[in-house]
Structure formats: C-alpha cells, structure tokens
Amino acid sequence: MNTYTYTEARQKLATLLEQAAKHGEARIKRRDGQVFVIRPEKQEGSPLAITGLDLKLSRAEILQSIQEGRREV
C-alpha cells in the first residue's frame, strides 16, 4: 500500500482513488506527521439486484409463454 504526501495526493488524486479501490485503502501523510486513510465506501445491497421490467403482461399470458417454452424442449 502506498503512502502519498499531501502534495502528491493533490497532484495524483485519480491515481490515489484507483489505489484505494484496488487495495482497499490509500494513505496520505502530512508534513506534521498526521496520516489519513482513504477507503472506498461500501455499496449497499446486492450487485445482482436489478430493476424489473413492466411488460404489461397478464398472468394468463405469462403462464401461456411458460407452457409454450416447455413444449418446445
């Protein structure tokens, strides 16, 4: 994990953020010795959660489509 000086962090912000995303964190050290850690925020919810489509199909149409699909197999 790299530690950047304050000046380097300002000049290479995109690189610093990529480093944090790749390795979980990046550090910035100030002249006075203070060290700060940059971490990506954890995402809420499942990455597999998707929004459904409203196809305006009735229950009967959905069941008919399923039955047709089973007949072809």
C-alpha atoms as a PDB file:
ATOM      1  CA  MET A   1       0.000   0.000   0.000  1.00  0.00           C
ATOM      2  CA  ASN A   2       1.387   3.390  -0.973  1.00  0.00           C
ATOM      3  CA  THR A   3       1.588   6.421   1.255  1.00  0.00           C
ATOM      4  CA  TYR A   4       1.348   9.733  -0.547  1.00  0.00           C
ATOM      5  CA  THR A   5       2.454  13.115   0.675  1.00  0.00           C
ATOM      6  CA  TYR A   6      -0.211  15.812   0.765  1.00  0.00           C
ATOM      7  CA  THR A   7       1.277  17.440  -2.351  1.00  0.00           C
ATOM      8  CA  GLU A   8       1.414  14.119  -4.244  1.00  0.00           C
ATOM      9  CA  ALA A   9      -2.184  13.347  -3.250  1.00  0.00           C
ATOM     10  CA  ARG A  10      -3.350  16.696  -4.657  1.00  0.00           C
ATOM     11  CA  GLN A  11      -1.435  16.149  -7.904  1.00  0.00           C
ATOM     12  CA  LYS A  12      -2.360  12.479  -8.326  1.00  0.00           C
ATOM     13  CA  LEU A  13      -5.876  12.315  -6.914  1.00  0.00           C
ATOM     14  CA  ALA A  14      -7.169   9.946  -9.633  1.00  0.00           C
ATOM     15  CA  THR A  15      -4.253   7.567  -9.035  1.00  0.00           C
ATOM     16  CA  LEU A  16      -4.801   7.716  -5.286  1.00  0.00           C
ATOM     17  CA  LEU A  17      -8.503   6.853  -5.677  1.00  0.00           C
ATOM     18  CA  GLU A  18      -7.695   3.951  -8.031  1.00  0.00           C
ATOM     19  CA  GLN A  19      -5.170   2.678  -5.495  1.00  0.00           C
ATOM     20  CA  ALA A  20      -7.802   2.829  -2.736  1.00  0.00           C
ATOM     21  CA  ALA A  21     -10.323   0.978  -4.903  1.00  0.00           C
ATOM     22  CA  LYS A  22      -7.816  -1.715  -5.859  1.00  0.00           C
ATOM     23  CA  HIS A  23      -6.159  -2.290  -2.478  1.00  0.00           C
ATOM     24  CA  GLY A  24      -8.906  -1.231  -0.085  1.00  0.00           C
ATOM     25  CA  GLU A  25      -7.225   1.955   1.097  1.00  0.00           C
ATOM     26  CA  ALA A  26      -4.581   4.578   0.407  1.00  0.00           C
ATOM     27  CA  ARG A  27      -2.736   6.773   2.890  1.00  0.00           C
ATOM     28  CA  ILE A  28      -1.919  10.480   2.843  1.00  0.00           C
ATOM     29  CA  LYS A  29       0.775  11.815   5.168  1.00  0.00           C
ATOM     30  CA  ARG A  30       1.035  15.491   6.080  1.00  0.00           C
ATOM     31  CA  ARG A  31       4.237  17.342   6.973  1.00  0.00           C
ATOM     32  CA  ASP A  32       3.286  17.359  10.640  1.00  0.00           C
ATOM     33  CA  GLY A  33       3.174  13.541  10.617  1.00  0.00           C
ATOM     34  CA  GLN A  34      -0.584  13.064  10.615  1.00  0.00           C
ATOM     35  CA  VAL A  35      -1.695  10.155   8.412  1.00  0.00           C
ATOM     36  CA  PHE A  36      -5.115   9.926   6.799  1.00  0.00           C
ATOM     37  CA  VAL A  37      -6.612   6.815   5.235  1.00  0.00           C
ATOM     38  CA  ILE A  38      -8.834   6.964   2.142  1.00  0.00           C
ATOM     39  CA  ARG A  39     -11.187   3.984   1.724  1.00  0.00           C
ATOM     40  CA  PRO A  40     -13.899   3.314  -0.845  1.00  0.00           C
ATOM     41  CA  GLU A  41     -17.406   3.386   0.581  1.00  0.00           C
ATOM     42  CA  LYS A  42     -19.104   0.007   0.782  1.00  0.00           C
ATOM     43  CA  GLN A  43     -22.033  -0.351  -1.564  1.00  0.00           C
ATOM     44  CA  GLU A  44     -25.418  -1.197  -0.129  1.00  0.00           C
ATOM     45  CA  GLY A  45     -27.456  -4.085  -1.492  1.00  0.00           C
ATOM     46  CA  SER A  46     -26.631  -6.926  -3.797  1.00  0.00           C
ATOM     47  CA  PRO A  47     -24.803  -6.336  -7.083  1.00  0.00           C
ATOM     48  CA  LEU A  48     -27.251  -8.864  -8.537  1.00  0.00           C
ATOM     49  CA  ALA A  49     -30.297  -6.779  -7.636  1.00  0.00           C
ATOM     50  CA  ILE A  50     -31.821  -5.431 -10.823  1.00  0.00           C
ATOM     51  CA  THR A  51     -34.911  -3.441 -11.610  1.00  0.00           C
ATOM     52  CA  GLY A  52     -37.740  -5.453 -13.157  1.00  0.00           C
ATOM     53  CA  LEU A  53     -39.378  -4.641 -16.477  1.00  0.00           C
ATOM     54  CA  ASP A  54     -43.051  -3.812 -16.690  1.00  0.00           C
ATOM     55  CA  LEU A  55     -44.069  -5.652 -19.872  1.00  0.00           C
ATOM     56  CA  LYS A  56     -47.788  -5.215 -19.250  1.00  0.00           C
ATOM     57  CA  LEU A  57     -48.384  -8.987 -19.473  1.00  0.00           C
ATOM     58  CA  SER A  58     -51.278 -10.642 -17.751  1.00  0.00           C
ATOM     59  CA  ARG A  59     -50.888 -13.711 -15.589  1.00  0.00           C
ATOM     60  CA  ALA A  60     -52.503 -15.830 -18.318  1.00  0.00           C
ATOM     61  CA  GLU A  61     -50.025 -14.562 -20.930  1.00  0.00           C
ATOM     62  CA  ILE A  62     -47.067 -15.358 -18.701  1.00  0.00           C
ATOM     63  CA  LEU A  63     -48.342 -18.883 -17.994  1.00  0.00           C
ATOM     64  CA  GLN A  64     -49.003 -19.448 -21.705  1.00  0.00           C
ATOM     65  CA  SER A  65     -45.462 -18.401 -22.551  1.00  0.00           C
ATOM     66  CA  ILE A  66     -44.043 -20.787 -19.944  1.00  0.00           C
ATOM     67  CA  GLN A  67     -46.142 -23.680 -21.283  1.00  0.00           C
ATOM     68  CA  GLU A  68     -45.051 -22.977 -24.857  1.00  0.00           C
ATOM     69  CA  GLY A  69     -41.425 -22.950 -23.786  1.00  0.00           C
ATOM     70  CA  ARG A  70     -41.820 -26.315 -22.077  1.00  0.00           C
ATOM     71  CA  ARG A  71     -43.444 -27.888 -25.112  1.00  0.00           C
ATOM     72  CA  GLU A  72     -40.504 -26.991 -27.355  1.00  0.00           C
ATOM     73  CA  VAL A  73     -37.991 -28.810 -25.160  1.00  0.00           C
END
